[in-house]
All heavy atoms as atom14 arrays in JSON, in Angstrom:
{
  "sequence": "LDALVAELGIEKSYFIRLFKKRVGVSPMKYAMHLKMSAAADLLR",
  "atom14_mask": [
    [1, 1, 1, 1, 1, 1, 1, 1, 0, 0, 0, 0, 0, 0],
    [1, 1, 1, 1, 1, 1, 1, 1, 0, 0, 0, 0, 0, 0],
    [1, 1, 1, 1, 1, 0, 0, 0, 0, 0, 0, 0, 0, 0],
    [1, 1, 1, 1, 1, 1, 1, 1, 0, 0, 0, 0, 0, 0],
    [1, 1, 1, 1, 1, 1, 1, 0, 0, 0, 0, 0, 0, 0],
    [1, 1, 1, 1, 1, 0, 0, 0, 0, 0, 0, 0, 0, 0],
    [1, 1, 1, 1, 1, 1, 1, 1, 1, 0, 0, 0, 0, 0],
    [1, 1, 1, 1, 1, 1, 1, 1, 0, 0, 0, 0, 0, 0],
    [1, 1, 1, 1, 0, 0, 0, 0, 0, 0, 0, 0, 0, 0],
    [1, 1, 1, 1, 1, 1, 1, 1, 0, 0, 0, 0, 0, 0],
    [1, 1, 1, 1, 1, 1, 1, 1, 1, 0, 0, 0, 0, 0],
    [1, 1, 1, 1, 1, 1, 1, 1, 1, 0, 0, 0, 0, 0],
    [1, 1, 1, 1, 1, 1, 0, 0, 0, 0, 0, 0, 0, 0],
    [1, 1, 1, 1, 1, 1, 1, 1, 1, 1, 1, 1, 0, 0],
    [1, 1, 1, 1, 1, 1, 1, 1, 1, 1, 1, 0, 0, 0],
    [1, 1, 1, 1, 1, 1, 1, 1, 0, 0, 0, 0, 0, 0],
    [1, 1, 1, 1, 1, 1, 1, 1, 1, 1, 1, 0, 0, 0],
    [1, 1, 1, 1, 1, 1, 1, 1, 0, 0, 0, 0, 0, 0],
    [1, 1, 1, 1, 1, 1, 1, 1, 1, 1, 1, 0, 0, 0],
    [1, 1, 1, 1, 1, 1, 1, 1, 1, 0, 0, 0, 0, 0],
    [1, 1, 1, 1, 1, 1, 1, 1, 1, 0, 0, 0, 0, 0],
    [1, 1, 1, 1, 1, 1, 1, 1, 1, 1, 1, 0, 0, 0],
    [1, 1, 1, 1, 1, 1, 1, 0, 0, 0, 0, 0, 0, 0],
    [1, 1, 1, 1, 0, 0, 0, 0, 0, 0, 0, 0, 0, 0],
    [1, 1, 1, 1, 1, 1, 1, 0, 0, 0, 0, 0, 0, 0],
    [1, 1, 1, 1, 1, 1, 0, 0, 0, 0, 0, 0, 0, 0],
    [1, 1, 1, 1, 1, 1, 1, 0, 0, 0, 0, 0, 0, 0],
    [1, 1, 1, 1, 1, 1, 1, 1, 0, 0, 0, 0, 0, 0],
    [1, 1, 1, 1, 1, 1, 1, 1, 1, 0, 0, 0, 0, 0],
    [1, 1, 1, 1, 1, 1, 1, 1, 1, 1, 1, 1, 0, 0],
    [1, 1, 1, 1, 1, 0, 0, 0, 0, 0, 0, 0, 0, 0],
    [1, 1, 1, 1, 1, 1, 1, 1, 0, 0, 0, 0, 0, 0],
    [1, 1, 1, 1, 1, 1, 1, 1, 1, 1, 0, 0, 0, 0],
    [1, 1, 1, 1, 1, 1, 1, 1, 0, 0, 0, 0, 0, 0],
    [1, 1, 1, 1, 1, 1, 1, 1, 1, 0, 0, 0, 0, 0],
    [1, 1, 1, 1, 1, 1, 1, 1, 0, 0, 0, 0, 0, 0],
    [1, 1, 1, 1, 1, 1, 0, 0, 0, 0, 0, 0, 0, 0],
    [1, 1, 1, 1, 1, 0, 0, 0, 0, 0, 0, 0, 0, 0],
    [1, 1, 1, 1, 1, 0, 0, 0, 0, 0, 0, 0, 0, 0],
    [1, 1, 1, 1, 1, 0, 0, 0, 0, 0, 0, 0, 0, 0],
    [1, 1, 1, 1, 1, 1, 1, 1, 0, 0, 0, 0, 0, 0],
    [1, 1, 1, 1, 1, 1, 1, 1, 0, 0, 0, 0, 0, 0],
    [1, 1, 1, 1, 1, 1, 1, 1, 0, 0, 0, 0, 0, 0],
    [1, 1, 1, 1, 1, 1, 1, 1, 1, 1, 1, 0, 0, 0]
  ],
  "atom14_positions": [
    [[5.02, 6.54, 0.39], [4.12, 6.63, 1.65], [4.3, 7.96, 2.31], [3.37, 8.44, 2.78], [4.44, 5.41, 2.42], [3.51, 5.2, 3.6], [2.03, 5.18, 3.26], [3.94, 3.88, 4.39], [0.0, 0.0, 0.0], [0.0, 0.0, 0.0], [0.0, 0.0, 0.0], [0.0, 0.0, 0.0], [0.0, 0.0, 0.0], [0.0, 0.0, 0.0]],
    [[5.63, 8.43, 2.51], [5.79, 9.64, 3.24], [5.14, 10.85, 2.59], [4.65, 11.62, 3.29], [7.42, 9.77, 3.4], [8.02, 8.88, 4.21], [7.44, 8.22, 5.1], [9.33, 8.58, 4.05], [0.0, 0.0, 0.0], [0.0, 0.0, 0.0], [0.0, 0.0, 0.0], [0.0, 0.0, 0.0], [0.0, 0.0, 0.0], [0.0, 0.0, 0.0]],
    [[5.23, 10.86, 1.34], [4.58, 11.97, 0.61], [3.04, 11.9, 0.81], [2.36, 12.98, 0.95], [4.95, 11.99, -0.88], [0.0, 0.0, 0.0], [0.0, 0.0, 0.0], [0.0, 0.0, 0.0], [0.0, 0.0, 0.0], [0.0, 0.0, 0.0], [0.0, 0.0, 0.0], [0.0, 0.0, 0.0], [0.0, 0.0, 0.0], [0.0, 0.0, 0.0]],
    [[2.48, 10.74, 0.72], [1.06, 10.54, 0.79], [0.63, 10.93, 2.22], [-0.36, 11.77, 2.24], [0.68, 9.01, 0.58], [-0.81, 8.75, 0.68], [-1.62, 9.57, -0.35], [-1.0, 7.23, 0.46], [0.0, 0.0, 0.0], [0.0, 0.0, 0.0], [0.0, 0.0, 0.0], [0.0, 0.0, 0.0], [0.0, 0.0, 0.0], [0.0, 0.0, 0.0]],
    [[1.18, 10.51, 3.27], [0.81, 10.9, 4.6], [0.98, 12.38, 4.82], [0.22, 13.04, 5.59], [1.37, 10.0, 5.68], [0.96, 8.65, 5.63], [2.84, 10.09, 5.73], [0.0, 0.0, 0.0], [0.0, 0.0, 0.0], [0.0, 0.0, 0.0], [0.0, 0.0, 0.0], [0.0, 0.0, 0.0], [0.0, 0.0, 0.0], [0.0, 0.0, 0.0]],
    [[2.08, 12.99, 4.3], [2.26, 14.38, 4.48], [1.14, 15.17, 3.78], [0.66, 16.18, 4.29], [3.6, 14.76, 3.8], [0.0, 0.0, 0.0], [0.0, 0.0, 0.0], [0.0, 0.0, 0.0], [0.0, 0.0, 0.0], [0.0, 0.0, 0.0], [0.0, 0.0, 0.0], [0.0, 0.0, 0.0], [0.0, 0.0, 0.0], [0.0, 0.0, 0.0]],
    [[0.76, 14.66, 2.55], [-0.35, 15.43, 1.81], [-1.73, 15.24, 2.6], [-2.5, 16.17, 2.62], [-0.51, 14.7, 0.44], [-1.53, 15.4, -0.39], [-1.29, 16.87, -0.88], [-0.05, 17.15, -0.92], [-2.12, 17.58, -1.09], [0.0, 0.0, 0.0], [0.0, 0.0, 0.0], [0.0, 0.0, 0.0], [0.0, 0.0, 0.0], [0.0, 0.0, 0.0]],
    [[-1.95, 14.08, 3.19], [-3.14, 13.83, 4.01], [-3.13, 14.5, 5.41], [-4.11, 14.77, 5.98], [-3.31, 12.38, 4.22], [-3.67, 11.57, 2.93], [-3.67, 10.16, 3.27], [-4.93, 12.02, 2.35], [0.0, 0.0, 0.0], [0.0, 0.0, 0.0], [0.0, 0.0, 0.0], [0.0, 0.0, 0.0], [0.0, 0.0, 0.0], [0.0, 0.0, 0.0]],
    [[-1.9, 14.8, 5.85], [-1.68, 15.41, 7.16], [-1.96, 14.56, 8.29], [-2.45, 14.97, 9.33], [0.0, 0.0, 0.0], [0.0, 0.0, 0.0], [0.0, 0.0, 0.0], [0.0, 0.0, 0.0], [0.0, 0.0, 0.0], [0.0, 0.0, 0.0], [0.0, 0.0, 0.0], [0.0, 0.0, 0.0], [0.0, 0.0, 0.0], [0.0, 0.0, 0.0]],
    [[-1.61, 13.35, 8.1], [-1.78, 12.32, 9.19], [-0.46, 11.58, 9.47], [0.43, 11.71, 8.67], [-2.84, 11.24, 8.96], [-2.55, 10.44, 7.7], [-4.09, 11.93, 8.84], [-3.51, 9.33, 7.37], [0.0, 0.0, 0.0], [0.0, 0.0, 0.0], [0.0, 0.0, 0.0], [0.0, 0.0, 0.0], [0.0, 0.0, 0.0], [0.0, 0.0, 0.0]],
    [[-0.36, 10.96, 10.59], [0.98, 10.15, 10.96], [0.9, 8.95, 10.16], [-0.11, 8.18, 9.78], [0.83, 9.84, 12.43], [0.91, 10.89, 13.35], [2.27, 11.64, 13.38], [3.4, 10.89, 13.22], [2.31, 12.82, 13.47], [0.0, 0.0, 0.0], [0.0, 0.0, 0.0], [0.0, 0.0, 0.0], [0.0, 0.0, 0.0], [0.0, 0.0, 0.0]],
    [[2.23, 8.5, 9.68], [2.41, 7.35, 8.95], [1.74, 6.05, 9.64], [1.03, 5.23, 8.98], [3.79, 7.12, 8.62], [4.06, 5.93, 7.71], [5.59, 5.47, 7.61], [6.39, 6.43, 6.98], [7.78, 5.83, 6.68], [0.0, 0.0, 0.0], [0.0, 0.0, 0.0], [0.0, 0.0, 0.0], [0.0, 0.0, 0.0], [0.0, 0.0, 0.0]],
    [[2.06, 5.9, 10.9], [1.56, 4.68, 11.58], [0.02, 4.68, 11.58], [-0.53, 3.64, 11.5], [1.96, 4.69, 12.99], [1.79, 5.73, 13.76], [0.0, 0.0, 0.0], [0.0, 0.0, 0.0], [0.0, 0.0, 0.0], [0.0, 0.0, 0.0], [0.0, 0.0, 0.0], [0.0, 0.0, 0.0], [0.0, 0.0, 0.0], [0.0, 0.0, 0.0]],
    [[-0.61, 5.81, 11.7], [-2.08, 5.87, 11.6], [-2.6, 5.4, 10.32], [-3.51, 4.7, 10.2], [-2.54, 7.26, 12.03], [-4.06, 7.46, 12.02], [-4.89, 6.77, 12.99], [-4.64, 8.29, 11.09], [-6.26, 6.89, 12.94], [-6.02, 8.52, 11.13], [-6.78, 7.73, 12.02], [-8.19, 7.96, 12.04], [0.0, 0.0, 0.0], [0.0, 0.0, 0.0]],
    [[-1.96, 5.91, 9.23], [-2.36, 5.64, 7.86], [-2.28, 4.12, 7.74], [-3.12, 3.55, 7.06], [-1.64, 6.38, 6.85], [-1.76, 5.98, 5.45], [-3.01, 6.43, 4.78], [-0.99, 5.03, 4.89], [-3.31, 6.01, 3.44], [-1.27, 4.72, 3.61], [-2.41, 5.06, 2.82], [0.0, 0.0, 0.0], [0.0, 0.0, 0.0], [0.0, 0.0, 0.0]],
    [[-1.06, 3.45, 8.17], [-0.83, 2.12, 7.92], [-1.9, 1.32, 8.64], [-2.5, 0.39, 8.06], [0.58, 1.78, 8.46], [1.59, 2.35, 7.45], [0.81, 0.25, 8.49], [2.99, 2.26, 7.9], [0.0, 0.0, 0.0], [0.0, 0.0, 0.0], [0.0, 0.0, 0.0], [0.0, 0.0, 0.0], [0.0, 0.0, 0.0], [0.0, 0.0, 0.0]],
    [[-2.31, 1.76, 9.87], [-3.4, 0.85, 10.58], [-4.62, 1.06, 9.85], [-5.38, 0.05, 9.72], [-3.45, 1.48, 12.0], [-2.45, 1.0, 13.02], [-2.72, 1.3, 14.39], [-3.13, 2.64, 14.72], [-2.34, 3.66, 15.02], [-1.04, 3.42, 14.98], [-2.77, 4.85, 15.31], [0.0, 0.0, 0.0], [0.0, 0.0, 0.0], [0.0, 0.0, 0.0]],
    [[-4.97, 2.32, 9.47], [-6.29, 2.46, 8.66], [-6.25, 1.68, 7.3], [-7.23, 0.99, 6.96], [-6.51, 3.94, 8.28], [-6.85, 4.79, 9.46], [-7.03, 6.26, 9.01], [-8.17, 4.43, 10.08], [0.0, 0.0, 0.0], [0.0, 0.0, 0.0], [0.0, 0.0, 0.0], [0.0, 0.0, 0.0], [0.0, 0.0, 0.0], [0.0, 0.0, 0.0]],
    [[-5.19, 1.63, 6.68], [-5.07, 0.9, 5.38], [-5.17, -0.5, 5.56], [-5.94, -1.18, 4.88], [-3.73, 1.26, 4.8], [-3.56, 0.69, 3.33], [-3.91, 1.49, 2.21], [-3.18, -0.62, 3.08], [-3.73, 1.01, 0.88], [-3.04, -1.08, 1.81], [-3.37, -0.25, 0.66], [0.0, 0.0, 0.0], [0.0, 0.0, 0.0], [0.0, 0.0, 0.0]],
    [[-4.62, -1.1, 6.55], [-4.61, -2.48, 6.83], [-5.94, -2.91, 7.34], [-6.47, -3.97, 6.93], [-3.59, -2.91, 7.97], [-3.52, -4.36, 8.08], [-2.19, -4.71, 8.95], [-2.05, -6.22, 9.07], [-0.98, -6.63, 9.67], [0.0, 0.0, 0.0], [0.0, 0.0, 0.0], [0.0, 0.0, 0.0], [0.0, 0.0, 0.0], [0.0, 0.0, 0.0]],
    [[-6.57, -2.04, 8.09], [-7.96, -2.36, 8.57], [-9.01, -2.4, 7.39], [-9.86, -3.28, 7.21], [-8.42, -1.37, 9.55], [-9.83, -1.56, 10.07], [-10.23, -0.58, 11.26], [-11.52, -0.87, 11.77], [-11.94, 0.12, 12.74], [0.0, 0.0, 0.0], [0.0, 0.0, 0.0], [0.0, 0.0, 0.0], [0.0, 0.0, 0.0], [0.0, 0.0, 0.0]],
    [[-8.83, -1.4, 6.48], [-9.67, -1.34, 5.33], [-9.35, -2.3, 4.2], [-10.32, -3.0, 3.62], [-9.6, 0.07, 4.71], [-10.45, 0.22, 3.52], [-11.82, 0.49, 3.85], [-12.6, 0.76, 2.66], [-13.87, 0.76, 2.57], [-14.59, 0.33, 3.67], [-14.56, 0.98, 1.47], [0.0, 0.0, 0.0], [0.0, 0.0, 0.0], [0.0, 0.0, 0.0]],
    [[-8.1, -2.57, 3.88], [-7.67, -3.37, 2.72], [-7.4, -4.85, 3.2], [-7.6, -5.79, 2.44], [-6.56, -2.83, 2.02], [-6.09, -3.61, 0.84], [-6.9, -1.44, 1.47], [0.0, 0.0, 0.0], [0.0, 0.0, 0.0], [0.0, 0.0, 0.0], [0.0, 0.0, 0.0], [0.0, 0.0, 0.0], [0.0, 0.0, 0.0], [0.0, 0.0, 0.0]],
    [[-6.91, -4.97, 4.42], [-6.71, -6.37, 4.91], [-5.23, -6.6, 4.92], [-4.86, -7.72, 5.54], [0.0, 0.0, 0.0], [0.0, 0.0, 0.0], [0.0, 0.0, 0.0], [0.0, 0.0, 0.0], [0.0, 0.0, 0.0], [0.0, 0.0, 0.0], [0.0, 0.0, 0.0], [0.0, 0.0, 0.0], [0.0, 0.0, 0.0], [0.0, 0.0, 0.0]],
    [[-4.3, -5.92, 4.19], [-3.06, -6.09, 4.23], [-2.31, -4.83, 4.42], [-2.9, -3.69, 4.22], [-2.42, -6.74, 3.0], [-2.97, -8.26, 2.92], [-2.72, -6.07, 1.76], [0.0, 0.0, 0.0], [0.0, 0.0, 0.0], [0.0, 0.0, 0.0], [0.0, 0.0, 0.0], [0.0, 0.0, 0.0], [0.0, 0.0, 0.0], [0.0, 0.0, 0.0]],
    [[-0.96, -4.79, 4.77], [-0.34, -3.45, 4.84], [-0.08, -2.87, 3.41], [-0.08, -3.57, 2.49], [1.0, -3.72, 5.43], [1.99, -4.49, 4.56], [0.0, 0.0, 0.0], [0.0, 0.0, 0.0], [0.0, 0.0, 0.0], [0.0, 0.0, 0.0], [0.0, 0.0, 0.0], [0.0, 0.0, 0.0], [0.0, 0.0, 0.0], [0.0, 0.0, 0.0]],
    [[0.23, -1.55, 3.45], [0.48, -0.93, 2.17], [1.56, -1.46, 1.39], [1.61, -1.63, 0.21], [0.84, 0.52, 2.52], [0.16, 0.82, 3.86], [0.12, -0.53, 4.56], [0.0, 0.0, 0.0], [0.0, 0.0, 0.0], [0.0, 0.0, 0.0], [0.0, 0.0, 0.0], [0.0, 0.0, 0.0], [0.0, 0.0, 0.0], [0.0, 0.0, 0.0]],
    [[2.64, -1.95, 2.09], [3.75, -2.68, 1.48], [3.41, -3.95, 0.77], [3.84, -4.27, -0.31], [4.96, -2.83, 2.49], [6.17, -3.45, 1.9], [6.85, -2.25, 0.88], [8.62, -2.44, 1.2], [0.0, 0.0, 0.0], [0.0, 0.0, 0.0], [0.0, 0.0, 0.0], [0.0, 0.0, 0.0], [0.0, 0.0, 0.0], [0.0, 0.0, 0.0]],
    [[2.64, -4.82, 1.48], [2.15, -6.04, 0.92], [1.23, -5.84, -0.34], [1.27, -6.58, -1.24], [1.52, -6.9, 2.02], [2.48, -7.59, 2.95], [1.8, -8.58, 3.69], [2.92, -9.21, 4.66], [2.42, -10.51, 5.31], [0.0, 0.0, 0.0], [0.0, 0.0, 0.0], [0.0, 0.0, 0.0], [0.0, 0.0, 0.0], [0.0, 0.0, 0.0]],
    [[0.44, -4.75, -0.19], [-0.49, -4.53, -1.23], [0.36, -3.94, -2.47], [0.08, -4.53, -3.67], [-1.47, -3.28, -0.85], [-2.45, -2.99, -1.81], [-3.54, -3.88, -2.12], [-2.33, -1.85, -2.6], [-4.52, -3.48, -3.15], [-3.34, -1.56, -3.63], [-4.35, -2.37, -3.89], [-5.3, -2.07, -4.79], [0.0, 0.0, 0.0], [0.0, 0.0, 0.0]],
    [[1.3, -3.19, -2.31], [2.14, -2.79, -3.43], [2.88, -3.76, -4.09], [3.03, -3.96, -5.23], [3.16, -1.67, -2.85], [0.0, 0.0, 0.0], [0.0, 0.0, 0.0], [0.0, 0.0, 0.0], [0.0, 0.0, 0.0], [0.0, 0.0, 0.0], [0.0, 0.0, 0.0], [0.0, 0.0, 0.0], [0.0, 0.0, 0.0], [0.0, 0.0, 0.0]],
    [[3.29, -4.78, -3.16], [4.1, -5.94, -3.68], [3.12, -6.8, -4.59], [3.53, -7.31, -5.6], [4.69, -6.76, -2.59], [5.51, -7.94, -3.14], [7.0, -7.41, -4.13], [8.05, -6.89, -2.96], [0.0, 0.0, 0.0], [0.0, 0.0, 0.0], [0.0, 0.0, 0.0], [0.0, 0.0, 0.0], [0.0, 0.0, 0.0], [0.0, 0.0, 0.0]],
    [[1.86, -6.95, -4.12], [0.96, -7.77, -4.78], [0.66, -7.11, -6.25], [0.64, -7.9, -7.26], [-0.28, -7.92, -4.06], [-1.45, -8.53, -4.8], [-1.47, -9.94, -5.15], [-2.59, -8.01, -5.47], [-2.58, -10.23, -5.8], [-3.13, -9.04, -6.12], [0.0, 0.0, 0.0], [0.0, 0.0, 0.0], [0.0, 0.0, 0.0], [0.0, 0.0, 0.0]],
    [[0.66, -5.89, -6.23], [0.43, -5.21, -7.51], [1.56, -5.39, -8.52], [1.35, -5.58, -9.72], [0.14, -3.64, -7.29], [-1.2, -3.27, -6.58], [-1.1, -1.74, -6.34], [-2.37, -3.73, -7.35], [0.0, 0.0, 0.0], [0.0, 0.0, 0.0], [0.0, 0.0, 0.0], [0.0, 0.0, 0.0], [0.0, 0.0, 0.0], [0.0, 0.0, 0.0]],
    [[2.72, -5.31, -7.98], [3.94, -5.54, -8.69], [3.98, -6.98, -9.26], [4.27, -7.18, -10.49], [5.2, -5.33, -7.94], [5.65, -3.97, -7.58], [6.87, -3.97, -6.78], [7.64, -2.71, -6.91], [8.93, -2.77, -6.2], [0.0, 0.0, 0.0], [0.0, 0.0, 0.0], [0.0, 0.0, 0.0], [0.0, 0.0, 0.0], [0.0, 0.0, 0.0]],
    [[3.74, -7.92, -8.45], [3.8, -9.16, -8.84], [2.6, -9.6, -9.79], [2.78, -10.37, -10.73], [3.66, -10.19, -7.58], [4.78, -10.13, -6.67], [6.41, -10.65, -7.51], [7.17, -9.07, -7.78], [0.0, 0.0, 0.0], [0.0, 0.0, 0.0], [0.0, 0.0, 0.0], [0.0, 0.0, 0.0], [0.0, 0.0, 0.0], [0.0, 0.0, 0.0]],
    [[1.4, -9.01, -9.71], [0.38, -9.18, -10.62], [0.74, -8.6, -12.08], [0.45, -9.3, -13.03], [-0.91, -8.54, -10.19], [-1.41, -9.1, -9.03], [0.0, 0.0, 0.0], [0.0, 0.0, 0.0], [0.0, 0.0, 0.0], [0.0, 0.0, 0.0], [0.0, 0.0, 0.0], [0.0, 0.0, 0.0], [0.0, 0.0, 0.0], [0.0, 0.0, 0.0]],
    [[1.48, -7.48, -12.04], [1.88, -6.93, -13.29], [2.97, -7.77, -13.95], [2.92, -7.93, -15.1], [2.45, -5.42, -12.99], [0.0, 0.0, 0.0], [0.0, 0.0, 0.0], [0.0, 0.0, 0.0], [0.0, 0.0, 0.0], [0.0, 0.0, 0.0], [0.0, 0.0, 0.0], [0.0, 0.0, 0.0], [0.0, 0.0, 0.0], [0.0, 0.0, 0.0]],
    [[3.78, -8.31, -13.16], [4.87, -9.16, -13.56], [4.23, -10.51, -14.21], [4.69, -10.98, -15.21], [5.85, -9.52, -12.53], [0.0, 0.0, 0.0], [0.0, 0.0, 0.0], [0.0, 0.0, 0.0], [0.0, 0.0, 0.0], [0.0, 0.0, 0.0], [0.0, 0.0, 0.0], [0.0, 0.0, 0.0], [0.0, 0.0, 0.0], [0.0, 0.0, 0.0]],
    [[3.2, -11.07, -13.57], [2.58, -12.21, -13.96], [1.92, -11.85, -15.37], [2.09, -12.69, -16.35], [1.48, -12.67, -13.1], [0.0, 0.0, 0.0], [0.0, 0.0, 0.0], [0.0, 0.0, 0.0], [0.0, 0.0, 0.0], [0.0, 0.0, 0.0], [0.0, 0.0, 0.0], [0.0, 0.0, 0.0], [0.0, 0.0, 0.0], [0.0, 0.0, 0.0]],
    [[1.32, -10.7, -15.57], [0.79, -10.34, -16.94], [1.9, -10.2, -17.9], [1.73, -10.76, -19.13], [0.09, -9.06, -16.73], [-1.21, -9.08, -15.97], [-1.74, -10.18, -15.73], [-1.76, -7.99, -15.68], [0.0, 0.0, 0.0], [0.0, 0.0, 0.0], [0.0, 0.0, 0.0], [0.0, 0.0, 0.0], [0.0, 0.0, 0.0], [0.0, 0.0, 0.0]],
    [[3.01, -9.62, -17.6], [4.07, -9.52, -18.55], [4.7, -10.81, -18.92], [5.06, -11.0, -20.04], [5.16, -8.58, -17.92], [4.81, -7.06, -17.79], [5.87, -6.39, -17.01], [4.69, -6.38, -19.19], [0.0, 0.0, 0.0], [0.0, 0.0, 0.0], [0.0, 0.0, 0.0], [0.0, 0.0, 0.0], [0.0, 0.0, 0.0], [0.0, 0.0, 0.0]],
    [[4.8, -11.73, -17.93], [5.39, -13.08, -18.17], [4.46, -13.87, -19.21], [4.87, -14.68, -20.02], [5.65, -13.79, -16.89], [6.79, -13.23, -16.0], [6.78, -13.94, -14.68], [8.05, -13.46, -16.79], [0.0, 0.0, 0.0], [0.0, 0.0, 0.0], [0.0, 0.0, 0.0], [0.0, 0.0, 0.0], [0.0, 0.0, 0.0], [0.0, 0.0, 0.0]],
    [[3.1, -13.82, -18.91], [2.2, -14.57, -19.75], [2.08, -13.92, -21.0], [1.91, -14.85, -22.03], [0.77, -14.45, -19.14], [0.58, -15.44, -18.08], [-1.03, -15.48, -17.73], [-1.52, -14.23, -17.28], [-1.56, -13.79, -16.12], [-1.14, -14.61, -15.11], [-2.1, -12.7, -15.77], [0.0, 0.0, 0.0], [0.0, 0.0, 0.0], [0.0, 0.0, 0.0]]
  ]
}
């Protein structure tokens, strides 16, 4: 996340607010969902 906001040239808190507004969850929760979805695929 730090590298992403540095590349975008915006504040981390601003990015998190925008991401949550657009996606509906925080970047951390979104990343965790992706990890768990991948794990579910591997387990199945």
